[in-house]
PDB file of all heavy atoms in Angstrom:
ATOM      1  N   TYR A   1     122.961 108.547  80.053  1.00  0.00           N
ATOM      2  CA  TYR A   1     124.079 107.595  80.113  1.00  0.00           C
ATOM      3  C   TYR A   1     124.140 106.832  78.796  1.00  0.00           C
ATOM      4  O   TYR A   1     123.109 106.354  78.301  1.00  0.00           O
ATOM      5  CB  TYR A   1     123.880 106.617  81.267  1.00  0.00           C
ATOM      6  CG  TYR A   1     124.970 105.573  81.394  1.00  0.00           C
ATOM      7  CD1 TYR A   1     126.241 105.918  81.849  1.00  0.00           C
ATOM      8  CD2 TYR A   1     124.725 104.237  81.050  1.00  0.00           C
ATOM      9  CE1 TYR A   1     127.251 104.971  81.973  1.00  0.00           C
ATOM     10  CE2 TYR A   1     125.730 103.282  81.172  1.00  0.00           C
ATOM     11  CZ  TYR A   1     126.986 103.660  81.631  1.00  0.00           C
ATOM     12  OH  TYR A   1     127.979 102.705  81.749  1.00  0.00           O
ATOM     13  N   ALA A   2     125.345 106.717  78.225  1.00  0.00           N
ATOM     14  CA  ALA A   2     125.547 105.951  76.994  1.00  0.00           C
ATOM     15  C   ALA A   2     126.026 104.556  77.360  1.00  0.00           C
ATOM     16  O   ALA A   2     127.034 104.390  78.059  1.00  0.00           O
ATOM     17  CB  ALA A   2     126.575 106.644  76.105  1.00  0.00           C
ATOM     18  N   LEU A   3     125.301 103.540  76.914  1.00  0.00           N
ATOM     19  CA  LEU A   3     125.680 102.160  77.215  1.00  0.00           C
ATOM     20  C   LEU A   3     127.010 101.834  76.530  1.00  0.00           C
ATOM     21  O   LEU A   3     127.175 102.086  75.330  1.00  0.00           O
ATOM     22  CB  LEU A   3     124.592 101.193  76.750  1.00  0.00           C
ATOM     23  CG  LEU A   3     123.227 101.365  77.423  1.00  0.00           C
ATOM     24  CD1 LEU A   3     122.231 100.343  76.888  1.00  0.00           C
ATOM     25  CD2 LEU A   3     123.358 101.225  78.938  1.00  0.00           C
ATOM     26  N   PRO A   4     127.972 101.273  77.261  1.00  0.00           N
ATOM     27  CA  PRO A   4     129.319 101.079  76.720  1.00  0.00           C
ATOM     28  C   PRO A   4     129.407 100.090  75.560  1.00  0.00           C
ATOM     29  O   PRO A   4     130.275 100.239  74.696  1.00  0.00           O
ATOM     30  CB  PRO A   4     130.114 100.581  77.936  1.00  0.00           C
ATOM     31  CG  PRO A   4     129.101 100.054  78.886  1.00  0.00           C
ATOM     32  CD  PRO A   4     127.880 100.882  78.677  1.00  0.00           C
ATOM     33  N   SER A   5     128.526  99.091  75.524  1.00  0.00           N
ATOM     34  CA  SER A   5     128.622  98.068  74.476  1.00  0.00           C
ATOM     35  C   SER A   5     127.829  98.419  73.227  1.00  0.00           C
ATOM     36  O   SER A   5     128.337  98.330  72.105  1.00  0.00           O
ATOM     37  CB  SER A   5     128.151  96.712  75.012  1.00  0.00           C
ATOM     38  OG  SER A   5     128.982  96.267  76.064  1.00  0.00           O
ATOM     39  N   THR A   6     126.578  98.821  73.392  1.00  0.00           N
ATOM     40  CA  THR A   6     125.706  99.071  72.244  1.00  0.00           C
ATOM     41  C   THR A   6     125.639 100.536  71.845  1.00  0.00           C
ATOM     42  O   THR A   6     125.233 100.860  70.738  1.00  0.00           O
ATOM     43  CB  THR A   6     124.274  98.597  72.556  1.00  0.00           C
ATOM     44  OG1 THR A   6     123.765  99.339  73.678  1.00  0.00           O
ATOM     45  CG2 THR A   6     124.259  97.104  72.893  1.00  0.00           C
ATOM     46  N   GLY A   7     126.016 101.421  72.759  1.00  0.00           N
ATOM     47  CA  GLY A   7     125.972 102.849  72.458  1.00  0.00           C
ATOM     48  C   GLY A   7     124.605 103.484  72.606  1.00  0.00           C
ATOM     49  O   GLY A   7     124.459 104.695  72.371  1.00  0.00           O
ATOM     50  N   ASN A   8     123.591 102.719  72.996  1.00  0.00           N
ATOM     51  CA  ASN A   8     122.264 103.292  73.211  1.00  0.00           C
ATOM     52  C   ASN A   8     122.335 104.384  74.276  1.00  0.00           C
ATOM     53  O   ASN A   8     123.040 104.233  75.274  1.00  0.00           O
ATOM     54  CB  ASN A   8     121.273 102.229  73.667  1.00  0.00           C
ATOM     55  CG  ASN A   8     121.009 101.174  72.608  1.00  0.00           C
ATOM     56  OD1 ASN A   8     121.550 100.081  72.677  1.00  0.00           O
ATOM     57  ND2 ASN A   8     120.183 101.504  71.630  1.00  0.00           N
ATOM     58  N   ILE A   9     121.580 105.457  74.074  1.00  0.00           N
ATOM     59  CA  ILE A   9     121.557 106.564  75.023  1.00  0.00           C
ATOM     60  C   ILE A   9     120.318 106.433  75.908  1.00  0.00           C
ATOM     61  O   ILE A   9     119.190 106.441  75.406  1.00  0.00           O
ATOM     62  CB  ILE A   9     121.537 107.931  74.315  1.00  0.00           C
ATOM     63  CG1 ILE A   9     122.716 108.053  73.352  1.00  0.00           C
ATOM     64  CG2 ILE A   9     121.560 109.054  75.350  1.00  0.00           C
ATOM     65  CD1 ILE A   9     124.078 107.993  74.011  1.00  0.00           C
ATOM     66  N   LEU A  10     120.545 106.314  77.196  1.00  0.00           N
ATOM     67  CA  LEU A  10     119.451 106.217  78.152  1.00  0.00           C
ATOM     68  C   LEU A  10     119.276 107.541  78.871  1.00  0.00           C
ATOM     69  O   LEU A  10     120.259 108.212  79.195  1.00  0.00           O
ATOM     70  CB  LEU A  10     119.729 105.141  79.203  1.00  0.00           C
ATOM     71  CG  LEU A  10     120.081 103.725  78.743  1.00  0.00           C
ATOM     72  CD1 LEU A  10     120.274 102.819  79.963  1.00  0.00           C
ATOM     73  CD2 LEU A  10     119.021 103.168  77.812  1.00  0.00           C
ATOM     74  N   THR A  11     118.030 107.920  79.121  1.00  0.00           N
ATOM     75  CA  THR A  11     117.762 108.944  80.136  1.00  0.00           C
ATOM     76  C   THR A  11     117.100 108.209  81.289  1.00  0.00           C
ATOM     77  O   THR A  11     116.312 107.278  81.076  1.00  0.00           O
ATOM     78  CB  THR A  11     116.837 110.063  79.613  1.00  0.00           C
ATOM     79  OG1 THR A  11     115.570 109.511  79.241  1.00  0.00           O
ATOM     80  CG2 THR A  11     117.455 110.765  78.423  1.00  0.00           C
ATOM     81  N   TYR A  12     117.454 108.609  82.498  1.00  0.00           N
ATOM     82  CA  TYR A  12     116.960 107.893  83.673  1.00  0.00           C
ATOM     83  C   TYR A  12     116.782 108.845  84.835  1.00  0.00           C
ATOM     84  O   TYR A  12     117.255 109.986  84.802  1.00  0.00           O
ATOM     85  CB  TYR A  12     117.927 106.770  84.057  1.00  0.00           C
ATOM     86  CG  TYR A  12     119.263 107.252  84.579  1.00  0.00           C
ATOM     87  CD1 TYR A  12     119.487 107.417  85.944  1.00  0.00           C
ATOM     88  CD2 TYR A  12     120.308 107.561  83.712  1.00  0.00           C
ATOM     89  CE1 TYR A  12     120.707 107.865  86.430  1.00  0.00           C
ATOM     90  CE2 TYR A  12     121.525 108.014  84.183  1.00  0.00           C
ATOM     91  CZ  TYR A  12     121.718 108.167  85.539  1.00  0.00           C
ATOM     92  OH  TYR A  12     122.933 108.625  86.019  1.00  0.00           O
ATOM     93  N   LYS A  13     116.093 108.363  85.852  1.00  0.00           N
ATOM     94  CA  LYS A  13     115.891 109.156  87.057  1.00  0.00           C
ATOM     95  C   LYS A  13     116.380 108.380  88.277  1.00  0.00           C
ATOM     96  O   LYS A  13     116.551 107.156  88.224  1.00  0.00           O
ATOM     97  CB  LYS A  13     114.414 109.514  87.234  1.00  0.00           C
ATOM     98  CG  LYS A  13     113.513 108.317  87.516  1.00  0.00           C
ATOM     99  CD  LYS A  13     112.078 108.764  87.760  1.00  0.00           C
ATOM    100  CE  LYS A  13     111.153 107.575  88.016  1.00  0.00           C
ATOM    101  NZ  LYS A  13     109.762 107.999  88.304  1.00  0.00           N
ATOM    102  N   ILE A  14     116.583 109.098  89.367  1.00  0.00           N
ATOM    103  CA  ILE A  14     116.921 108.469  90.641  1.00  0.00           C
ATOM    104  C   ILE A  14     115.611 108.044  91.318  1.00  0.00           C
ATOM    105  O   ILE A  14     114.664 108.817  91.401  1.00  0.00           O
ATOM    106  CB  ILE A  14     117.702 109.440  91.558  1.00  0.00           C
ATOM    107  CG1 ILE A  14     118.945 109.971  90.832  1.00  0.00           C
ATOM    108  CG2 ILE A  14     118.087 108.742  92.847  1.00  0.00           C
ATOM    109  CD1 ILE A  14     119.930 108.920  90.394  1.00  0.00           C
ATOM    110  N   ILE A  15     115.588 106.807  91.774  1.00  0.00           N
ATOM    111  CA  ILE A  15     114.385 106.236  92.375  1.00  0.00           C
ATOM    112  C   ILE A  15     113.979 106.994  93.642  1.00  0.00           C
ATOM    113  O   ILE A  15     114.820 107.367  94.470  1.00  0.00           O
ATOM    114  CB  ILE A  15     114.624 104.756  92.718  1.00  0.00           C
ATOM    115  CG1 ILE A  15     114.757 103.928  91.430  1.00  0.00           C
ATOM    116  CG2 ILE A  15     113.523 104.192  93.593  1.00  0.00           C
ATOM    117  CD1 ILE A  15     113.492 103.825  90.634  1.00  0.00           C
ATOM    118  N   THR A  16     112.667 107.226  93.787  1.00  0.00           N
ATOM    119  CA  THR A  16     112.110 107.863  94.986  1.00  0.00           C
ATOM    120  C   THR A  16     111.346 106.834  95.820  1.00  0.00           C
ATOM    121  O   THR A  16     111.140 105.695  95.388  1.00  0.00           O
ATOM    122  CB  THR A  16     111.140 108.997  94.605  1.00  0.00           C
ATOM    123  OG1 THR A  16     109.999 108.424  93.944  1.00  0.00           O
ATOM    124  CG2 THR A  16     111.798 110.004  93.679  1.00  0.00           C
ATOM    125  N   GLY A  17     110.905 107.262  96.981  1.00  0.00           N
ATOM    126  CA  GLY A  17     110.103 106.384  97.830  1.00  0.00           C
ATOM    127  C   GLY A  17     108.819 105.952  97.144  1.00  0.00           C
ATOM    128  O   GLY A  17     108.358 104.822  97.302  1.00  0.00           O
ATOM    129  N   ARG A  18     108.233 106.847  96.363  1.00  0.00           N
ATOM    130  CA  ARG A  18     107.004 106.521  95.620  1.00  0.00           C
ATOM    131  C   ARG A  18     107.289 105.426  94.588  1.00  0.00           C
ATOM    132  O   ARG A  18     106.489 104.505  94.398  1.00  0.00           O
ATOM    133  CB  ARG A  18     106.468 107.778  94.941  1.00  0.00           C
ATOM    134  CG  ARG A  18     105.128 107.590  94.248  1.00  0.00           C
ATOM    135  CD  ARG A  18     104.553 108.904  93.758  1.00  0.00           C
ATOM    136  NE  ARG A  18     104.130 109.750  94.881  1.00  0.00           N
ATOM    137  CZ  ARG A  18     104.817 110.770  95.358  1.00  0.00           C
ATOM    138  NH1 ARG A  18     105.983 111.088  94.824  1.00  0.00           N
ATOM    139  NH2 ARG A  18     104.368 111.481  96.379  1.00  0.00           N
ATOM    140  N   ASP A  19     108.445 105.532  93.917  1.00  0.00           N
ATOM    141  CA  ASP A  19     108.832 104.496  92.958  1.00  0.00           C
ATOM    142  C   ASP A  19     109.052 103.156  93.650  1.00  0.00           C
ATOM    143  O   ASP A  19     108.684 102.101  93.121  1.00  0.00           O
ATOM    144  CB  ASP A  19     110.115 104.910  92.229  1.00  0.00           C
ATOM    145  CG  ASP A  19     109.940 106.156  91.373  1.00  0.00           C
ATOM    146  OD1 ASP A  19     108.875 106.296  90.753  1.00  0.00           O
ATOM    147  OD2 ASP A  19     110.866 106.983  91.355  1.00  0.00           O
ATOM    148  N   GLU A  20     109.676 103.196  94.826  1.00  0.00           N
ATOM    149  CA  GLU A  20     109.935 101.959  95.577  1.00  0.00           C
ATOM    150  C   GLU A  20     108.627 101.218  95.851  1.00  0.00           C
ATOM    151  O   GLU A  20     108.547  99.996  95.737  1.00  0.00           O
ATOM    152  CB  GLU A  20     110.648 102.281  96.900  1.00  0.00           C
ATOM    153  CG  GLU A  20     112.059 102.819  96.755  1.00  0.00           C
ATOM    154  CD  GLU A  20     113.090 101.725  96.553  1.00  0.00           C
ATOM    155  OE1 GLU A  20     112.683 100.571  96.324  1.00  0.00           O
ATOM    156  OE2 GLU A  20     114.285 102.032  96.619  1.00  0.00           O
ATOM    157  N   LYS A  21     107.593 101.961  96.226  1.00  0.00           N
ATOM    158  CA  LYS A  21     106.294 101.348  96.500  1.00  0.00           C
ATOM    159  C   LYS A  21     105.723 100.704  95.240  1.00  0.00           C
ATOM    160  O   LYS A  21     105.179  99.595  95.279  1.00  0.00           O
ATOM    161  CB  LYS A  21     105.322 102.392  97.043  1.00  0.00           C
ATOM    162  CG  LYS A  21     105.584 102.820  98.476  1.00  0.00           C
ATOM    163  CD  LYS A  21     104.519 103.809  98.928  1.00  0.00           C
ATOM    164  CE  LYS A  21     104.704 104.207 100.371  1.00  0.00           C
ATOM    165  NZ  LYS A  21     103.681 105.178 100.820  1.00  0.00           N
ATOM    166  N   ALA A  22     105.824 101.421  94.114  1.00  0.00           N
ATOM    167  CA  ALA A  22     105.302 100.892  92.852  1.00  0.00           C
ATOM    168  C   ALA A  22     106.071  99.637  92.425  1.00  0.00           C
ATOM    169  O   ALA A  22     105.478  98.674  91.925  1.00  0.00           O
ATOM    170  CB  ALA A  22     105.384 101.964  91.768  1.00  0.00           C
ATOM    171  N   ILE A  23     107.380  99.650  92.638  1.00  0.00           N
ATOM    172  CA  ILE A  23     108.207  98.476  92.321  1.00  0.00           C
ATOM    173  C   ILE A  23     107.789  97.291  93.177  1.00  0.00           C
ATOM    174  O   ILE A  23     107.626  96.167  92.679  1.00  0.00           O
ATOM    175  CB  ILE A  23     109.699  98.807  92.531  1.00  0.00           C
ATOM    176  CG1 ILE A  23     110.168  99.803  91.469  1.00  0.00           C
ATOM    177  CG2 ILE A  23     110.547  97.535  92.470  1.00  0.00           C
ATOM    178  CD1 ILE A  23     111.531 100.403  91.750  1.00  0.00           C
ATOM    179  N   ASP A  24     107.602  97.527  94.468  1.00  0.00           N
ATOM    180  CA  ASP A  24     107.183  96.448  95.371  1.00  0.00           C
ATOM    181  C   ASP A  24     105.830  95.868  94.960  1.00  0.00           C
ATOM    182  O   ASP A  24     105.629  94.641  95.009  1.00  0.00           O
ATOM    183  CB  ASP A  24     107.113  96.962  96.817  1.00  0.00           C
ATOM    184  CG  ASP A  24     108.479  97.218  97.415  1.00  0.00           C
ATOM    185  OD1 ASP A  24     109.472  96.716  96.860  1.00  0.00           O
ATOM    186  OD2 ASP A  24     108.555  97.940  98.440  1.00  0.00           O
ATOM    187  N   ARG A  25     104.899  96.743  94.552  1.00  0.00           N
ATOM    188  CA  ARG A  25     103.584  96.257  94.122  1.00  0.00           C
ATOM    189  C   ARG A  25     103.689  95.390  92.870  1.00  0.00           C
ATOM    190  O   ARG A  25     103.042  94.341  92.763  1.00  0.00           O
ATOM    191  CB  ARG A  25     102.643  97.441  93.865  1.00  0.00           C
ATOM    192  CG  ARG A  25     102.133  98.128  95.125  1.00  0.00           C
ATOM    193  CD  ARG A  25     100.952  99.041  94.813  1.00  0.00           C
ATOM    194  NE  ARG A  25     101.299 100.106  93.891  1.00  0.00           N
ATOM    195  CZ  ARG A  25     101.741 101.305  94.266  1.00  0.00           C
ATOM    196  NH1 ARG A  25     101.908 101.587  95.543  1.00  0.00           N
ATOM    197  NH2 ARG A  25     102.016 102.230  93.362  1.00  0.00           N
ATOM    198  N   GLU A  26     104.521  95.834  91.925  1.00  0.00           N
ATOM    199  CA  GLU A  26     104.662  95.059  90.686  1.00  0.00           C
ATOM    200  C   GLU A  26     105.332  93.718  90.954  1.00  0.00           C
ATOM    201  O   GLU A  26     104.924  92.693  90.405  1.00  0.00           O
ATOM    202  CB  GLU A  26     105.466  95.857  89.655  1.00  0.00           C
ATOM    203  CG  GLU A  26     105.584  95.143  88.325  1.00  0.00           C
ATOM    204  CD  GLU A  26     105.958  96.074  87.172  1.00  0.00           C
ATOM    205  OE1 GLU A  26     105.554  97.243  87.200  1.00  0.00           O
ATOM    206  OE2 GLU A  26     106.636  95.606  86.248  1.00  0.00           O
ATOM    207  N   LEU A  27     106.354  93.715  91.798  1.00  0.00           N
ATOM    208  CA  LEU A  27     107.038  92.460  92.126  1.00  0.00           C
ATOM    209  C   LEU A  27     106.105  91.498  92.846  1.00  0.00           C
ATOM    210  O   LEU A  27     106.144  90.286  92.611  1.00  0.00           O
ATOM    211  CB  LEU A  27     108.278  92.741  92.980  1.00  0.00           C
ATOM    212  CG  LEU A  27     109.442  93.422  92.256  1.00  0.00           C
ATOM    213  CD1 LEU A  27     110.553  93.763  93.246  1.00  0.00           C
ATOM    214  CD2 LEU A  27     109.990  92.517  91.153  1.00  0.00           C
ATOM    215  N   ALA A  28     105.250  92.046  93.737  1.00  0.00           N
ATOM    216  CA  ALA A  28     104.285  91.201  94.446  1.00  0.00           C
ATOM    217  C   ALA A  28     103.296  90.583  93.455  1.00  0.00           C
ATOM    218  O   ALA A  28     102.930  89.399  93.581  1.00  0.00           O
ATOM    219  CB  ALA A  28     103.540  92.027  95.493  1.00  0.00           C
ATOM    220  N   GLY A  29     102.881  91.360  92.457  1.00  0.00           N
ATOM    221  CA  GLY A  29     101.973  90.838  91.439  1.00  0.00           C
ATOM    222  C   GLY A  29     102.628  89.752  90.607  1.00  0.00           C
ATOM    223  O   GLY A  29     101.993  88.740  90.285  1.00  0.00           O
ATOM    224  N   LEU A  30     103.895  89.939  90.263  1.00  0.00           N
ATOM    225  CA  LEU A  30     104.615  88.930  89.489  1.00  0.00           C
ATOM    226  C   LEU A  30     104.798  87.644  90.298  1.00  0.00           C
ATOM    227  O   LEU A  30     104.764  86.541  89.743  1.00  0.00           O
ATOM    228  CB  LEU A  30     105.981  89.482  89.059  1.00  0.00           C
ATOM    229  CG  LEU A  30     105.945  90.626  88.032  1.00  0.00           C
ATOM    230  CD1 LEU A  30     107.332  91.218  87.849  1.00  0.00           C
ATOM    231  CD2 LEU A  30     105.396  90.118  86.702  1.00  0.00           C
ATOM    232  N   LYS A  31     104.996  87.794  91.604  1.00  0.00           N
ATOM    233  CA  LYS A  31     105.147  86.629  92.482  1.00  0.00           C
ATOM    234  C   LYS A  31     103.878  85.780  92.508  1.00  0.00           C
ATOM    235  O   LYS A  31     103.922  84.555  92.614  1.00  0.00           O
ATOM    236  CB  LYS A  31     105.505  87.077  93.904  1.00  0.00           C
ATOM    237  CG  LYS A  31     106.974  87.277  94.172  1.00  0.00           C
ATOM    238  CD  LYS A  31     107.731  85.961  94.170  1.00  0.00           C
ATOM    239  CE  LYS A  31     109.192  86.169  94.550  1.00  0.00           C
ATOM    240  NZ  LYS A  31     109.956  84.903  94.446  1.00  0.00           N
ATOM    241  N   LYS A  32     102.731  86.450  92.436  1.00  0.00           N
ATOM    242  CA  LYS A  32     101.463  85.725  92.435  1.00  0.00           C
ATOM    243  C   LYS A  32     101.320  84.882  91.172  1.00  0.00           C
ATOM    244  O   LYS A  32     100.738  83.796  91.197  1.00  0.00           O
ATOM    245  CB  LYS A  32     100.300  86.699  92.552  1.00  0.00           C
ATOM    246  CG  LYS A  32     100.173  87.359  93.922  1.00  0.00           C
ATOM    247  CD  LYS A  32      98.984  88.301  93.967  1.00  0.00           C
ATOM    248  CE  LYS A  32      98.858  88.943  95.350  1.00  0.00           C
ATOM    249  NZ  LYS A  32      97.708  89.891  95.412  1.00  0.00           N
ATOM    250  N   LEU A  33     101.866  85.387  90.065  1.00  0.00           N
ATOM    251  CA  LEU A  33     101.804  84.646  88.816  1.00  0.00           C
ATOM    252  C   LEU A  33     102.810  83.507  88.771  1.00  0.00           C
ATOM    253  O   LEU A  33     102.539  82.456  88.192  1.00  0.00           O
ATOM    254  CB  LEU A  33     102.057  85.600  87.636  1.00  0.00           C
ATOM    255  CG  LEU A  33     101.027  86.725  87.441  1.00  0.00           C
ATOM    256  CD1 LEU A  33     101.479  87.666  86.332  1.00  0.00           C
ATOM    257  CD2 LEU A  33      99.657  86.143  87.124  1.00  0.00           C
ATOM    258  N   ASN A  34     103.967  83.748  89.380  1.00  0.00           N
ATOM    259  CA  ASN A  34     105.031  82.723  89.402  1.00  0.00           C
ATOM    260  C   ASN A  34     105.831  82.883  90.676  1.00  0.00           C
ATOM    261  O   ASN A  34     106.652  83.792  90.795  1.00  0.00           O
ATOM    262  CB  ASN A  34     105.931  82.873  88.174  1.00  0.00           C
ATOM    263  CG  ASN A  34     107.008  81.790  88.110  1.00  0.00           C
ATOM    264  OD1 ASN A  34     107.138  80.956  89.011  1.00  0.00           O
ATOM    265  ND2 ASN A  34     107.777  81.793  87.033  1.00  0.00           N
ATOM    266  N   LYS A  35     105.590  82.002  91.638  1.00  0.00           N
ATOM    267  CA  LYS A  35     106.221  82.126  92.955  1.00  0.00           C
ATOM    268  C   LYS A  35     107.735  82.007  92.904  1.00  0.00           C
ATOM    269  O   LYS A  35     108.433  82.475  93.807  1.00  0.00           O
ATOM    270  CB  LYS A  35     105.640  81.076  93.904  1.00  0.00           C
ATOM    271  CG  LYS A  35     104.175  81.302  94.256  1.00  0.00           C
ATOM    272  CD  LYS A  35     103.668  80.276  95.250  1.00  0.00           C
ATOM    273  CE  LYS A  35     102.206  80.539  95.612  1.00  0.00           C
ATOM    274  NZ  LYS A  35     101.680  79.545  96.582  1.00  0.00           N
ATOM    275  N   GLU A  36     108.254  81.361  91.879  1.00  0.00           N
ATOM    276  CA  GLU A  36     109.704  81.168  91.785  1.00  0.00           C
ATOM    277  C   GLU A  36     110.396  82.275  91.009  1.00  0.00           C
ATOM    278  O   GLU A  36     111.612  82.278  90.878  1.00  0.00           O
ATOM    279  CB  GLU A  36     109.999  79.813  91.131  1.00  0.00           C
ATOM    280  CG  GLU A  36     109.504  78.621  91.960  1.00  0.00           C
ATOM    281  CD  GLU A  36     109.850  77.300  91.317  1.00  0.00           C
ATOM    282  OE1 GLU A  36     110.398  77.313  90.185  1.00  0.00           O
ATOM    283  OE2 GLU A  36     109.586  76.254  91.930  1.00  0.00           O
TER     284      GLU A  36
END
């Protein structure tokens, strides 16, 4: 995907259930550092 404003070209993937778990773990860790 080419970003419309800057023109940077991104390659990306569709999130899987495994990714969802990793995202939840990282967000939980960030919450511990800063609850807000």
